[in-house]
Protein backbone atom coordinates (compact mmCIF):
# COMPACT_ATOMS: atom_id res chain seq x y z
CA MET A 1 89.23 118.97 118.97
CA ALA A 2 85.12 118.53 118.37
CA LYS A 3 81.98 120.40 117.94
CA ILE A 4 80.04 119.41 121.15
CA LEU A 5 76.34 120.17 121.37
CA LEU A 6 74.71 120.21 124.25
CA VAL A 7 71.28 120.40 125.74
CA ASP A 8 69.94 120.57 129.42
CA ASP A 9 67.06 122.43 130.80
CA GLU A 10 68.93 123.18 133.71
CA LEU A 11 71.36 126.09 133.64
CA THR A 12 74.01 125.17 136.48
CA MET A 13 74.32 121.31 134.54
CA VAL A 14 74.70 122.82 131.57
CA GLN A 15 77.23 125.57 132.97
CA MET A 16 79.32 122.59 134.69
CA VAL A 17 79.33 120.30 131.74
CA ALA A 18 80.24 123.01 129.27
CA ASP A 19 83.06 124.30 131.27
CA MET A 20 84.41 120.28 131.84
CA LEU A 21 84.36 120.08 127.84
CA ARG A 22 86.09 123.24 127.29
CA GLN A 23 88.59 122.52 129.46
CA GLU A 24 89.91 119.74 127.30
CA GLY A 25 89.84 121.61 124.23
CA HIS A 26 86.60 120.97 123.12
CA GLU A 27 84.24 124.01 121.30
CA VAL A 28 80.81 123.60 122.93
CA PHE A 29 77.78 125.37 122.19
CA PRO A 30 75.33 124.95 125.72
CA PHE A 31 71.21 125.30 125.30
CA THR A 32 68.55 125.02 127.92
CA ASN A 33 66.07 124.62 124.89
CA THR A 34 64.57 122.30 122.42
CA GLN A 35 64.07 124.72 119.68
CA ALA A 36 67.09 126.77 119.98
CA ALA A 37 68.88 123.67 120.24
CA SER A 38 67.14 121.74 116.58
CA THR A 39 68.13 125.51 114.79
CA ALA A 40 72.35 125.05 116.40
CA LEU A 41 72.35 121.74 114.86
CA THR A 42 71.67 122.73 111.31
CA THR A 43 73.89 125.68 112.02
CA HIS A 44 76.76 124.37 113.46
CA SER A 45 77.15 120.52 112.63
CA PRO A 46 78.37 119.42 115.40
CA GLU A 47 80.21 115.69 116.08
CA LEU A 48 78.63 114.98 119.31
CA VAL A 49 75.22 116.02 121.33
CA ILE A 50 74.78 115.67 124.80
CA THR A 51 71.25 116.15 125.64
CA ASP A 52 68.72 115.38 128.26
CA LEU A 53 66.08 113.51 128.00
CA TYR A 54 63.32 114.95 129.23
CA LEU A 55 63.34 119.19 129.09
CA ASP A 56 60.77 119.73 130.79
CA LYS A 57 60.43 117.31 133.25
CA ALA A 58 57.62 115.66 131.87
CA ASN A 59 58.33 114.87 127.80
CA PRO A 60 61.56 113.15 126.46
CA HIS A 61 61.76 115.34 123.90
CA GLY A 62 65.41 114.62 123.96
CA MET A 63 64.41 112.34 121.30
CA GLU A 64 63.51 114.86 119.12
CA ILE A 65 67.02 116.52 119.16
CA LEU A 66 68.42 112.70 118.88
CA LYS A 67 66.24 112.16 115.80
CA LYS A 68 67.44 115.51 113.79
CA ALA A 69 70.75 114.81 115.37
CA ARG A 70 71.00 111.60 113.43
CA GLU A 71 69.70 113.19 110.33
CA LEU A 72 72.02 115.79 109.78
CA THR A 73 74.77 114.75 107.29
CA PRO A 74 77.58 113.30 108.39
CA PRO A 75 75.04 112.61 111.06
CA ALA A 76 76.24 113.76 114.87
CA VAL A 77 77.18 110.97 118.10
CA VAL A 78 74.61 111.04 120.83
CA ILE A 79 74.49 110.71 124.15
CA VAL A 80 71.71 110.84 126.46
CA ILE A 81 71.20 111.82 129.78
CA THR A 82 68.38 111.36 132.39
CA GLY A 83 67.87 112.10 135.68
CA PHE A 84 64.68 110.37 136.47
CA GLY A 85 65.90 106.51 136.08
CA SER A 86 64.08 105.96 133.42
CA VAL A 87 66.36 103.40 132.37
CA ASP A 88 63.10 101.95 129.49
CA THR A 89 63.48 105.37 127.64
CA ALA A 90 67.24 105.58 127.45
CA LYS A 91 67.17 102.14 126.04
CA GLU A 92 64.49 103.25 123.60
CA ALA A 93 66.93 106.09 122.30
CA MET A 94 69.78 103.79 121.81
CA LYS A 95 67.28 101.64 119.62
CA GLN A 96 67.21 105.01 118.00
CA GLY A 97 70.65 105.61 117.46
CA ALA A 98 71.60 107.27 120.64
CA PHE A 99 75.53 106.04 121.26
CA ASP A 100 75.35 105.51 124.76
CA TYR A 101 73.11 107.02 127.80
CA LEU A 102 73.85 108.57 131.48
CA GLN A 103 72.10 108.56 134.30
CA LYS A 104 72.32 111.89 136.69
CA PRO A 105 74.24 112.22 138.89
CA PHE A 106 76.84 110.63 136.68
CA LYS A 107 80.70 111.11 137.91
CA VAL A 108 82.97 113.27 135.89
CA ASP A 109 85.62 110.98 135.28
CA GLU A 110 82.47 108.11 133.79
CA PHE A 111 81.14 111.63 131.53
CA LYS A 112 84.87 112.06 130.09
CA LEU A 113 85.25 108.22 129.28
CA CYS A 114 81.71 108.13 127.60
CA VAL A 115 82.30 111.47 125.88
CA GLN A 116 85.91 110.09 124.86
CA ARG A 117 84.24 106.72 123.34
CA ALA A 118 81.49 108.72 121.31
CA LEU A 119 84.14 110.45 119.89
CA SER A 120 86.64 107.35 119.14
CA TYR A 121 83.49 106.19 117.20
CA ASN A 122 82.69 109.00 115.30
CA ALA A 123 86.39 109.21 114.27
CA ALA A 124 86.04 105.79 113.08
CA ILE A 125 82.78 106.15 111.13
CA THR A 126 84.16 109.32 109.52
CA GLU A 127 86.65 107.31 108.34
CA THR A 128 85.31 104.74 107.02
CA VAL A 129 82.84 106.67 105.26
CA TYR A 130 85.99 108.85 103.39
CA LEU A 131 87.35 105.17 102.76
CA ARG A 132 84.56 104.16 100.67
CA LYS A 133 84.17 107.18 99.03
CA GLN A 134 87.84 106.49 97.45
CA LEU A 135 87.30 103.00 96.96
CA LYS A 136 84.03 104.36 94.99
CA LYS A 137 86.31 107.01 93.26
CA LYS A 138 88.88 104.42 92.91
CA TYR A 139 86.61 101.51 91.07
CA GLN A 140 84.55 104.42 89.35
CA PHE A 141 83.74 103.55 85.58
CA SER A 142 86.22 106.22 84.67
CA GLN A 143 89.32 104.23 85.94
CA ILE A 144 88.52 101.69 83.62
CA ILE A 145 91.14 102.18 80.79
CA GLY A 146 89.90 102.02 77.38
CA SER A 147 88.95 103.91 73.85
CA ALA A 148 88.43 101.09 71.68
CA PRO A 149 85.36 99.93 70.38
CA ARG A 150 84.85 96.89 72.44
CA MET A 151 85.55 98.86 75.87
CA GLN A 152 82.76 100.93 75.03
CA GLN A 153 80.74 98.57 74.56
CA VAL A 154 81.76 97.07 77.65
CA PHE A 155 81.37 100.55 79.70
CA LYS A 156 77.49 101.16 78.10
CA MET A 157 76.62 97.42 79.56
CA ILE A 158 78.55 97.61 83.23
CA GLU A 159 76.91 101.36 83.08
CA ARG A 160 73.42 99.34 82.16
CA VAL A 161 73.64 96.57 84.92
CA ALA A 162 76.02 98.23 87.98
CA ASP A 163 72.81 99.10 90.12
CA THR A 164 70.71 96.15 89.48
CA ASP A 165 70.07 92.60 92.04
CA SER A 166 71.01 91.12 88.23
CA THR A 167 73.70 87.67 88.67
CA ILE A 168 76.38 89.02 86.19
CA LEU A 169 78.91 86.49 84.39
CA ILE A 170 82.31 88.28 83.53
CA LEU A 171 83.94 86.27 80.84
CA GLY A 172 87.49 87.05 79.32
CA GLU A 173 91.17 85.70 79.16
CA SER A 174 93.62 85.66 82.30
CA GLY A 175 94.48 89.51 83.35
CA THR A 176 92.13 91.57 81.37
CA GLY A 177 90.66 92.75 84.65
CA LYS A 178 87.49 91.07 85.52
CA GLU A 179 87.70 91.49 89.17
CA LEU A 180 88.57 95.42 88.45
CA VAL A 181 85.11 95.37 86.21
CA ALA A 182 83.20 93.45 89.57
CA ARG A 183 84.50 96.16 91.72
CA ALA A 184 83.34 98.80 89.37
CA LEU A 185 79.69 96.47 89.80
CA HIS A 186 79.71 96.85 92.84
CA PHE A 187 81.29 100.56 94.11
CA ASN A 188 78.66 102.03 91.36
CA SER A 189 76.00 100.21 92.99
CA ARG A 190 73.05 100.74 95.54
CA ARG A 191 75.25 98.33 98.07
CA GLN A 192 78.45 99.89 97.38
CA PHE A 193 78.41 100.48 101.66
CA ALA A 194 77.84 97.28 102.24
CA PRO A 195 80.46 94.37 102.10
CA PHE A 196 82.10 93.93 98.30
CA VAL A 197 83.65 89.55 99.15
CA PRO A 198 86.09 88.57 96.50
CA ILE A 199 87.15 84.72 96.48
CA ASN A 200 89.34 83.00 94.05
CA CYS A 201 87.83 79.54 93.71
CA SER A 202 90.50 77.38 91.98
CA ALA A 203 92.81 78.51 95.03
CA LEU A 204 91.59 76.31 97.43
CA PRO A 205 90.52 72.47 97.21
CA GLU A 206 87.27 71.36 97.55
CA ASN A 207 86.60 71.18 101.29
CA LEU A 208 88.29 74.67 102.40
CA LEU A 209 85.98 75.85 99.49
CA GLU A 210 82.89 74.45 101.22
CA SER A 211 83.84 76.20 104.44
CA GLU A 212 84.97 79.19 102.85
CA LEU A 213 81.76 80.18 100.84
CA PHE A 214 79.26 78.29 103.81
CA GLY A 215 80.80 78.32 106.98
CA HIS A 216 80.66 75.35 108.98
CA ARG A 217 79.86 74.32 112.58
CA ARG A 218 82.56 73.46 115.20
CA GLY A 219 83.37 69.83 115.24
CA SER A 220 81.80 68.90 112.17
CA PHE A 221 85.14 68.00 110.40
CA THR A 222 89.12 67.92 112.04
CA GLY A 223 90.16 71.15 112.51
CA ALA A 224 86.88 72.92 113.13
CA ILE A 225 87.02 74.12 116.39
CA THR A 226 84.76 76.97 116.64
CA ASP A 227 81.43 77.95 114.15
CA LYS A 228 82.32 79.89 111.86
CA LYS A 229 80.59 82.25 109.35
CA GLY A 230 81.12 81.46 105.48
CA LEU A 231 81.69 84.11 102.74
CA PHE A 232 78.03 84.41 101.63
CA GLN A 233 76.93 85.17 105.09
CA GLU A 234 79.81 87.89 105.78
CA ALA A 235 79.01 89.74 102.06
CA ASP A 236 75.15 89.90 103.25
CA GLY A 237 73.76 93.15 102.01
CA GLY A 238 76.67 93.44 99.20
CA THR A 239 77.99 91.57 96.79
CA ILE A 240 80.17 88.14 96.29
CA PHE A 241 83.08 87.80 93.67
CA LEU A 242 83.55 84.23 92.55
CA ASP A 243 86.32 83.98 90.51
CA GLU A 244 87.53 81.17 88.45
CA VAL A 245 84.11 79.76 89.13
CA GLY A 246 84.42 76.69 86.32
CA SER A 247 87.13 75.36 88.45
CA MET A 248 84.08 74.35 91.52
CA SER A 249 83.05 70.63 92.08
CA PRO A 250 80.31 69.14 91.30
CA LEU A 251 79.51 68.85 94.68
CA LEU A 252 79.91 72.61 94.92
CA GLN A 253 78.19 73.68 92.04
CA SER A 254 75.13 71.85 93.13
CA ARG A 255 75.31 73.97 96.73
CA LEU A 256 76.09 77.00 95.17
CA LEU A 257 73.16 76.61 92.05
CA ARG A 258 70.68 76.31 95.66
CA VAL A 259 72.27 79.73 97.24
CA LEU A 260 70.89 81.40 93.65
CA GLN A 261 67.88 79.62 93.85
CA GLU A 262 66.34 79.79 97.17
CA ARG A 263 68.80 82.90 98.58
CA GLU A 264 69.53 80.79 101.78
CA VAL A 265 73.31 79.14 103.01
CA ARG A 266 73.70 75.89 105.03
CA ARG A 267 76.86 75.58 106.67
CA VAL A 268 78.98 72.61 106.97
CA GLY A 269 77.38 70.29 109.51
CA GLU A 270 74.42 71.97 109.83
CA ASN A 271 70.72 71.54 108.39
CA LEU A 272 69.21 75.21 109.33
CA PRO A 273 69.25 77.34 106.54
CA VAL A 274 70.27 80.85 106.89
CA TYR A 275 68.83 83.53 104.26
CA VAL A 276 71.31 85.80 102.65
CA ASN A 277 71.15 89.15 100.90
CA VAL A 278 73.80 88.95 98.32
CA ARG A 279 74.45 90.05 94.64
CA VAL A 280 76.77 87.38 93.46
CA LEU A 281 79.11 88.25 90.37
CA ALA A 282 81.18 85.28 89.02
CA ALA A 283 84.05 85.23 86.36
CA CYS A 284 85.94 82.24 84.51
CA ASN A 285 88.97 82.94 81.64
CA GLU A 286 87.17 80.38 79.49
CA PRO A 287 84.06 79.44 77.87
CA LEU A 288 81.83 77.13 80.33
CA GLU A 289 79.92 76.02 76.84
CA LYS A 290 82.79 73.82 76.56
CA LYS A 291 82.76 72.92 80.20
CA ILE A 292 79.14 71.68 80.21
CA LYS A 293 80.04 69.88 76.79
CA GLU A 294 82.76 68.14 78.95
CA GLY A 295 80.43 67.05 81.59
CA THR A 296 82.82 68.91 84.41
CA PHE A 297 79.90 71.89 85.06
CA ARG A 298 76.86 71.93 85.19
CA GLU A 299 74.33 73.34 82.41
CA ASP A 300 71.61 74.32 85.10
CA LEU A 301 74.16 76.23 87.21
CA TYR A 302 75.48 78.17 83.77
CA TYR A 303 71.63 79.66 83.33
CA ARG A 304 71.54 81.02 86.78
CA LEU A 305 75.00 82.51 86.65
CA ASN A 306 74.89 83.77 82.88
CA VAL A 307 71.87 86.22 83.91
CA ILE A 308 74.11 88.96 82.12
CA ALA A 309 77.13 88.30 80.48
CA ILE A 310 79.97 90.55 79.49
CA GLN A 311 82.71 89.69 77.86
CA LEU A 312 85.94 91.36 78.40
CA PRO A 313 88.33 91.72 75.18
CA SER A 314 91.77 90.81 75.10
CA LEU A 315 95.10 93.21 74.81
CA ARG A 316 95.64 92.43 71.08
CA GLU A 317 91.81 92.71 70.41
CA ARG A 318 92.30 96.64 71.05
CA ARG A 319 95.57 97.66 70.30
CA ASP A 320 94.85 101.32 69.57
CA ASP A 321 94.20 101.11 73.80
CA ILE A 322 97.79 100.41 74.87
CA PRO A 323 99.43 103.70 75.11
CA LEU A 324 96.34 105.04 76.80
CA LEU A 325 97.39 102.13 79.48
CA VAL A 326 101.00 102.99 79.13
CA ALA A 327 100.55 106.61 80.08
CA HIS A 328 98.15 105.44 82.46
CA PHE A 329 100.82 102.62 84.57
CA LEU A 330 103.38 105.85 84.49
CA LYS A 331 101.58 108.75 85.03
CA ASP A 332 102.18 108.44 88.90
CA LYS A 333 105.69 107.51 88.54
CA SER A 334 108.92 109.14 88.75
CA ASN A 335 112.29 108.41 88.54
CA SER A 336 113.69 107.47 91.60
CA ARG A 337 116.83 109.76 91.58
CA THR A 338 115.77 112.93 89.07
CA GLY A 339 112.15 112.62 90.68
CA GLN A 340 111.41 113.75 86.70
CA SER A 341 108.28 111.71 84.64
CA PHE A 342 108.93 108.71 82.78
CA GLN A 343 108.53 109.42 78.53
CA MET A 344 108.74 106.69 76.17
CA THR A 345 110.92 106.62 72.80
CA ARG A 346 108.36 105.82 70.16
CA GLU A 347 110.56 102.27 69.07
CA ALA A 348 109.81 101.58 72.74
CA MET A 349 106.18 102.33 72.22
CA GLU A 350 106.05 100.54 68.90
CA ILE A 351 107.14 97.25 70.03
CA MET A 352 104.79 97.05 72.68
CA CYS A 353 101.70 97.62 70.11
CA THR A 354 103.36 94.63 68.18
CA TYR A 355 103.23 92.23 71.10
CA ASN A 356 100.48 89.69 71.14
CA TRP A 357 100.25 90.18 75.41
CA PRO A 358 99.07 86.99 76.16
CA GLY A 359 99.04 87.71 79.85
CA ASN A 360 96.73 91.37 78.94
CA VAL A 361 96.48 94.21 80.97
CA ARG A 362 98.55 92.56 83.76
CA GLU A 363 101.93 91.75 81.79
CA LEU A 364 101.26 94.90 80.36
CA GLU A 365 101.35 96.66 83.71
CA ASN A 366 104.51 94.45 85.37
CA ALA A 367 106.03 95.27 81.74
CA VAL A 368 105.52 99.34 82.09
CA GLU A 369 107.19 98.66 86.21
CA ARG A 370 110.07 96.64 85.19
CA ALA A 371 110.73 99.14 82.49
CA ALA A 372 111.06 101.97 84.65
CA THR A 373 112.91 100.12 87.43
CA LEU A 374 115.50 99.71 85.41
CA CYS A 375 115.59 103.07 82.94
CA GLU A 376 118.97 104.74 83.37
CA GLY A 377 117.19 108.42 82.85
CA GLU A 378 114.01 109.43 82.06
CA VAL A 379 113.16 108.07 78.84
CA ILE A 380 112.18 104.55 78.49
CA GLN A 381 114.21 102.34 76.16
CA SER A 382 113.67 99.43 73.05
CA THR A 383 116.42 97.84 75.40
CA ASP A 384 114.36 98.39 79.25
CA LEU A 385 111.42 95.86 77.99
CA PRO A 386 111.51 92.58 79.27
CA PRO A 387 113.79 90.08 76.91
CA SER A 388 110.76 87.75 76.69
CA ILE A 389 108.64 90.90 74.36
CA LEU A 390 112.02 91.78 72.29
CA GLU A 391 112.77 88.32 71.48
CA ALA A 392 108.81 87.67 70.73
CA VAL A 393 108.79 90.60 68.14
CA ASN A 394 112.26 89.48 67.03
CA PHE A 395 113.96 92.75 68.38
CA THR A 396 117.70 93.09 67.28
CA GLY A 397 118.67 96.49 68.37
CA THR A 398 120.57 97.51 65.76
CA SER A 399 117.97 99.29 63.84
CA LYS A 400 114.97 101.84 64.85
CA GLU A 401 112.62 99.16 63.63
CA PRO A 402 111.80 96.15 64.79
CA ALA A 403 113.25 93.28 62.14
CA SER A 404 111.46 92.38 59.22
CA GLY A 405 108.83 90.15 58.41
CA VAL A 406 107.18 91.44 62.03
CA ALA A 407 103.90 93.40 61.05
CA LEU A 408 103.20 96.66 62.83
CA PRO A 409 99.88 98.04 63.51
CA THR A 410 99.34 101.39 62.22
CA VAL A 411 99.69 103.72 65.08
CA PRO A 412 99.04 107.42 64.56
CA ASP A 413 101.24 109.55 65.84
CA SER A 414 98.77 111.63 68.84
CA ALA A 415 99.15 108.26 70.50
CA LEU A 416 102.88 108.03 71.22
CA TYR A 417 105.06 109.40 72.59
CA PRO A 418 107.23 110.80 69.10
CA LEU A 419 111.00 110.97 67.98
CA ARG A 420 109.67 114.57 65.87
CA ASN A 421 113.70 114.88 64.40
CA GLU A 422 113.28 111.30 62.18
CA THR A 423 114.96 113.35 59.51
CA SER A 424 117.63 111.61 57.52
CA GLN A 425 121.60 111.66 58.40
CA THR A 426 125.00 111.44 57.25
CA PRO A 427 126.10 107.80 57.57
CA GLY A 428 128.24 107.99 60.93
CA GLU A 429 127.04 110.50 62.41
CA PRO A 430 124.88 109.66 65.70
CA PRO A 431 121.15 110.11 65.40
CA PRO A 432 119.81 113.30 66.22
CA PRO A 433 118.19 113.58 69.81
CA GLU A 434 114.64 112.39 70.77
CA GLU A 435 111.88 114.94 70.86
CA ILE A 436 109.70 113.66 73.82
CA LEU A 437 106.03 115.13 75.02
CA PRO A 438 105.77 115.37 78.31
CA LEU A 439 103.34 113.08 79.83
CA LYS A 440 100.85 115.51 80.54
CA THR A 441 101.01 117.12 76.83
CA PHE A 442 100.12 113.60 75.62
CA LEU A 443 97.20 113.43 77.76
CA ARG A 444 96.26 116.27 77.11
CA GLU A 445 96.04 115.21 73.52
CA GLN A 446 94.57 111.87 74.33
CA GLU A 447 91.95 113.65 75.92
CA GLN A 448 91.38 115.92 73.60
CA SER A 449 91.01 113.45 70.65
CA TYR A 450 88.37 111.08 72.66
CA LEU A 451 86.29 114.61 73.38
CA ASN A 452 86.09 115.18 70.16
CA ARG A 453 84.90 111.34 68.99
CA ALA A 454 82.80 111.84 71.38
CA LEU A 455 81.09 114.94 69.80
CA GLN A 456 81.11 113.42 66.87
CA GLN A 457 79.41 110.10 67.49
CA CYS A 458 77.01 112.51 68.83
CA GLY A 459 76.19 114.48 65.82
CA GLY A 460 77.81 118.06 67.61
CA ASP A 461 75.21 117.69 70.51
CA LYS A 462 77.54 119.04 74.06
CA GLU A 463 74.77 117.95 76.02
CA LYS A 464 74.52 114.01 74.70
CA ALA A 465 78.04 113.87 74.61
CA ALA A 466 78.25 115.35 78.19
CA VAL A 467 75.72 112.56 79.17
CA LEU A 468 77.60 109.85 77.22
CA LEU A 469 81.07 110.74 78.83
CA GLY A 470 79.78 111.06 82.41
CA VAL A 471 80.49 114.34 83.07
CA SER A 472 78.72 117.35 83.59
CA LEU A 473 78.08 120.08 81.11
CA ALA A 474 79.88 123.00 82.58
CA THR A 475 83.19 120.26 82.57
CA LEU A 476 83.01 119.42 79.36
CA TYR A 477 82.99 123.04 78.24
CA ARG A 478 86.22 123.50 80.30
CA LYS A 479 87.89 120.40 78.68
CA LEU A 480 87.24 121.57 75.29
CA SER A 481 88.24 124.84 76.13
CA GLY A 482 91.54 123.73 77.38
CA GLU A 483 91.09 125.28 80.75
CA GLU A 484 90.42 122.33 83.26
CA LYS A 485 93.16 122.43 85.87
CA GLU A 486 95.91 120.44 86.18
CA THR A 487 96.46 118.28 88.78
């Protein structure tokens, strides 16, 4: 069940409570003095500490146990016990981080319920910490796929500004990954354990967006039946992400400008300002300078938002990343009938590299999802791609190449799933079978190529290359030698 450290100077009390807890299936470490208990805290790392406040009947040494228990990683939940009716001291212990307190003599059922609540709380906190670690892992810079020079510039900028409080304006076409960049900025900053609150400013009408952002007071408008905190207050201590900020009305732009200047919000129907400690990230899929000239966006707000700008390239501006992105989207997919990983033919990959992708990475992901779903085997063919893509590149299906007049990019063999047996054949003979590289082999080749590029950029200095890549020197050596374990 749980590790519980029990501290009380009354031996009879310690024995009775320890037996009770062991009957519940817990592992109990009982102590009657402060020094031994303090040492055991670091040795056993308990989930729950139950300690008497007055271990020598004069001084509240239990407060020392409480302090050390809360300094553990992860911190232990603490229940304090007092037999002297000193509620004030017990309340002080609560302020110092104790979960709850009990007064002697206490009832057995009351004690068991308190322990159960404390352990449930500890489990919830542990799960929250785990989920936040998973979120941080998910939104590491390495999860943003791309090796093109334009993307490398983006990575460097994100890394430089992530742990600052500067307002960031993220620019890029729809589908380029603006929210993914915003989440990476948040989960790699000192605010990572505070809320990340995204809102699409174009998805709500003006009156609802104002209420969502700044909150409202009960009765301030029809339907406001209760007080409501706005998203700026919900994001206090963390980050708010304003997507499609260019669609805001002039009134909301004025209110947002005040938030950025004064760091305070006023709920609808209320004049009392509320201070908020929030980092603002904004995004727009079209140039705001154009909206300023048209008179639909405030110039002073633009300069408040555009403290640091991150421009995301469109997918057609980084075609070399398309094979990497396809491999990434196929990585966790497998044929539902055979359980085998998907592969893609050279022809299909070349078509994907030719297409202009107006919907950018989001459209690419959807195309890969569709192709994998409709694929009859494990090898994705050209005909499995969406008809709109085949039509756009004038693919007829009668040859291994798209029709003439369509310029194919030069895609290196190492960046494709190649057809190795492309030899001449007698007319009428069936085409030779396609040799498809396993996805792990393809990913390993891509990784080795990328590592070599980093080394070349650093003049062969492995330490500099490790720093550039964001990995340890030992990890770099393992990957270069091919000893990195596959998962």
